[in-house]
N, C-alpha and C. Protein backbone atom coordinates (compact mmCIF):
# COMPACT_ATOMS: atom_id res chain seq x y z
N MET A 1 59.33 122.67 123.94
CA MET A 1 59.42 121.59 123.36
C MET A 1 59.44 121.36 121.51
N GLU A 2 58.69 122.15 121.03
CA GLU A 2 59.32 122.05 119.59
C GLU A 2 60.36 123.18 119.00
N LYS A 3 60.06 124.10 119.45
CA LYS A 3 61.27 125.38 119.49
C LYS A 3 62.64 124.59 120.17
N LEU A 4 62.74 123.72 120.78
CA LEU A 4 63.78 123.07 120.94
C LEU A 4 63.97 122.17 119.96
N ARG A 5 63.67 121.25 119.68
CA ARG A 5 63.82 120.33 118.22
C ARG A 5 64.40 120.91 117.36
N SER A 6 63.49 122.36 116.85
CA SER A 6 64.02 123.17 115.52
C SER A 6 65.41 123.82 115.56
N SER A 7 65.80 124.00 117.06
CA SER A 7 66.98 124.35 116.70
C SER A 7 67.72 123.33 116.74
N THR A 8 67.74 122.51 117.42
CA THR A 8 68.65 120.98 117.17
C THR A 8 68.80 120.82 116.14
N ALA A 9 67.53 120.45 115.29
CA ALA A 9 67.84 120.67 113.79
C ALA A 9 69.10 121.09 113.06
N ARG A 10 68.46 122.74 113.65
CA ARG A 10 69.85 123.42 112.68
C ARG A 10 70.55 123.41 113.25
N ALA A 11 70.91 122.92 114.82
CA ALA A 11 72.51 122.73 114.99
C ALA A 11 73.01 121.52 114.26
N LEU A 12 72.14 120.44 113.91
CA LEU A 12 72.87 119.27 113.26
C LEU A 12 72.89 119.84 111.75
N GLN A 13 72.28 120.67 111.24
CA GLN A 13 72.17 120.98 109.95
C GLN A 13 73.73 121.52 109.65
N GLU A 14 74.24 122.38 110.75
CA GLU A 14 74.93 123.28 110.66
C GLU A 14 76.49 122.52 111.16
N VAL A 15 76.42 121.70 111.64
CA VAL A 15 77.61 120.78 111.77
C VAL A 15 77.92 120.12 110.74
N GLU A 16 76.65 119.58 109.77
CA GLU A 16 76.69 118.73 108.89
C GLU A 16 77.56 119.73 108.00
N LYS A 17 77.10 120.72 107.82
CA LYS A 17 77.99 121.81 106.95
C LYS A 17 79.42 122.27 107.58
N LEU A 18 79.95 122.06 108.28
CA LEU A 18 80.77 122.24 108.70
C LEU A 18 81.93 121.21 108.76
N ARG A 19 81.20 119.90 108.16
CA ARG A 19 81.89 118.58 108.47
C ARG A 19 82.61 118.72 107.12
N SER A 20 81.13 119.02 105.92
CA SER A 20 81.60 119.13 104.66
C SER A 20 82.93 119.81 104.21
N ARG A 21 82.62 121.50 104.76
CA ARG A 21 83.85 121.87 104.45
C ARG A 21 84.60 121.71 105.19
N ALA A 22 84.85 121.38 106.38
CA ALA A 22 86.33 120.56 106.56
C ALA A 22 86.55 119.32 105.66
N ALA A 23 86.01 118.77 105.34
CA ALA A 23 86.38 117.59 103.97
C ALA A 23 86.88 118.51 102.50
N GLU A 24 86.25 119.46 102.24
CA GLU A 24 86.95 120.21 101.43
C GLU A 24 88.20 121.02 101.45
N PHE A 25 88.54 121.25 102.95
CA PHE A 25 89.70 121.83 102.96
C PHE A 25 90.40 120.99 103.43
N ASP A 26 90.43 119.89 103.86
CA ASP A 26 90.88 118.50 103.32
C ASP A 26 91.74 118.34 102.26
N GLU A 27 90.91 118.20 101.69
CA GLU A 27 91.15 117.43 99.87
C GLU A 27 91.94 118.67 99.85
N LEU A 28 91.84 119.95 99.93
CA LEU A 28 92.80 121.35 99.08
C LEU A 28 93.85 121.33 99.63
N MET A 29 94.13 120.91 100.84
CA MET A 29 95.38 121.00 101.67
C MET A 29 96.39 119.94 101.34
N GLU A 30 95.70 118.24 100.79
CA GLU A 30 96.64 117.50 100.79
C GLU A 30 97.08 117.65 99.22
N ARG A 31 96.72 118.59 98.54
CA ARG A 31 97.18 118.57 96.94
C ARG A 31 98.82 119.24 97.26
N PRO A 32 98.76 120.49 98.14
CA PRO A 32 100.10 121.60 98.24
C PRO A 32 101.02 120.31 98.74
N PHE A 33 100.79 119.82 100.37
CA PHE A 33 101.28 118.83 100.81
C PHE A 33 101.96 117.90 99.80
N ASP A 34 101.48 117.28 99.25
CA ASP A 34 101.78 116.43 98.19
C ASP A 34 103.12 116.73 97.32
N VAL A 35 102.62 117.98 96.32
CA VAL A 35 103.93 118.20 95.79
C VAL A 35 105.12 118.61 96.74
N VAL A 36 104.98 118.95 97.84
CA VAL A 36 106.15 119.77 98.53
C VAL A 36 107.11 118.67 98.98
N SER A 37 106.19 117.24 99.16
CA SER A 37 107.36 116.07 99.28
C SER A 37 107.82 115.64 98.62
N ARG A 38 106.77 115.88 97.26
CA ARG A 38 107.78 115.18 96.16
C ARG A 38 108.72 115.95 96.03
N GLY A 39 109.00 116.85 95.62
CA GLY A 39 109.94 118.41 95.67
C GLY A 39 111.57 117.65 96.94
N VAL A 40 111.00 117.48 97.80
CA VAL A 40 111.81 117.21 98.56
C VAL A 40 112.55 116.01 98.21
N ARG A 41 111.89 115.03 98.23
CA ARG A 41 112.46 113.85 97.77
C ARG A 41 113.28 114.00 96.41
N VAL A 42 112.86 114.84 95.35
CA VAL A 42 114.10 114.99 94.31
C VAL A 42 115.30 115.71 94.54
N PHE A 43 114.77 116.45 95.33
CA PHE A 43 115.97 117.58 96.05
C PHE A 43 117.23 116.76 96.61
N GLY A 44 116.11 115.91 97.52
CA GLY A 44 117.43 115.06 98.01
C GLY A 44 117.94 114.15 97.31
N ALA A 45 117.20 113.52 96.14
CA ALA A 45 118.09 112.75 95.40
C ALA A 45 119.18 113.11 94.67
N LEU A 46 118.75 114.38 93.90
CA LEU A 46 119.61 115.33 93.62
C LEU A 46 120.81 115.52 94.32
N ALA A 47 120.39 116.06 95.52
CA ALA A 47 121.63 116.32 96.20
C ALA A 47 122.45 114.92 96.55
N ARG A 48 121.94 114.22 96.95
CA ARG A 48 122.61 113.09 96.90
C ARG A 48 123.66 112.31 96.28
N ASP A 49 123.29 112.13 94.46
CA ASP A 49 124.10 112.28 93.41
C ASP A 49 124.95 113.26 93.04
N VAL A 50 124.85 114.64 93.66
CA VAL A 50 125.92 115.75 93.40
C VAL A 50 127.02 115.38 93.98
N VAL A 51 126.77 115.03 95.82
CA VAL A 51 127.41 114.29 96.29
C VAL A 51 128.31 112.79 95.76
N ILE A 52 127.85 112.25 95.66
CA ILE A 52 128.34 110.81 94.88
C ILE A 52 129.63 111.45 94.15
N ILE A 53 129.40 112.47 93.17
CA ILE A 53 129.55 112.69 91.83
C ILE A 53 131.03 113.08 92.14
N VAL A 54 130.97 114.24 93.44
CA VAL A 54 131.81 115.16 93.46
C VAL A 54 133.20 114.64 94.78
N SER A 55 132.47 113.64 95.30
CA SER A 55 133.39 112.62 96.29
C SER A 55 133.57 111.59 94.90
N LEU A 56 133.15 110.99 93.67
CA LEU A 56 134.08 110.30 92.69
C LEU A 56 135.02 111.12 92.14
N GLY A 57 135.29 112.72 91.77
CA GLY A 57 135.95 113.27 91.16
C GLY A 57 137.07 113.28 92.46
N TYR A 58 136.81 113.85 93.51
CA TYR A 58 137.67 113.68 94.22
C TYR A 58 138.62 112.75 94.75
N ILE A 59 138.05 111.32 94.69
CA ILE A 59 138.88 110.04 95.30
C ILE A 59 139.45 110.02 93.34
N ALA A 60 138.72 110.27 92.33
CA ALA A 60 139.91 110.33 90.55
C ALA A 60 141.38 111.38 90.73
N MET A 61 140.92 112.59 91.53
CA MET A 61 142.00 112.75 91.88
C MET A 61 143.32 112.96 91.93
N PHE A 62 143.02 111.84 93.41
CA PHE A 62 143.97 111.25 94.15
C PHE A 62 144.96 109.75 93.68
């Protein structure tokens, strides 16, 4: 019975280690996705502005 308790305690400690590692990994992965999403938003805004400027230039030609 004691062997089972110690085995269970070790398993619970291992689960806690894995949970803390998963939390650290989650924090690390949030940063690149935040940077990428900001870049996509900036690129989208820039593309929109270019389309507007080109459209206005095309309209001004006629």
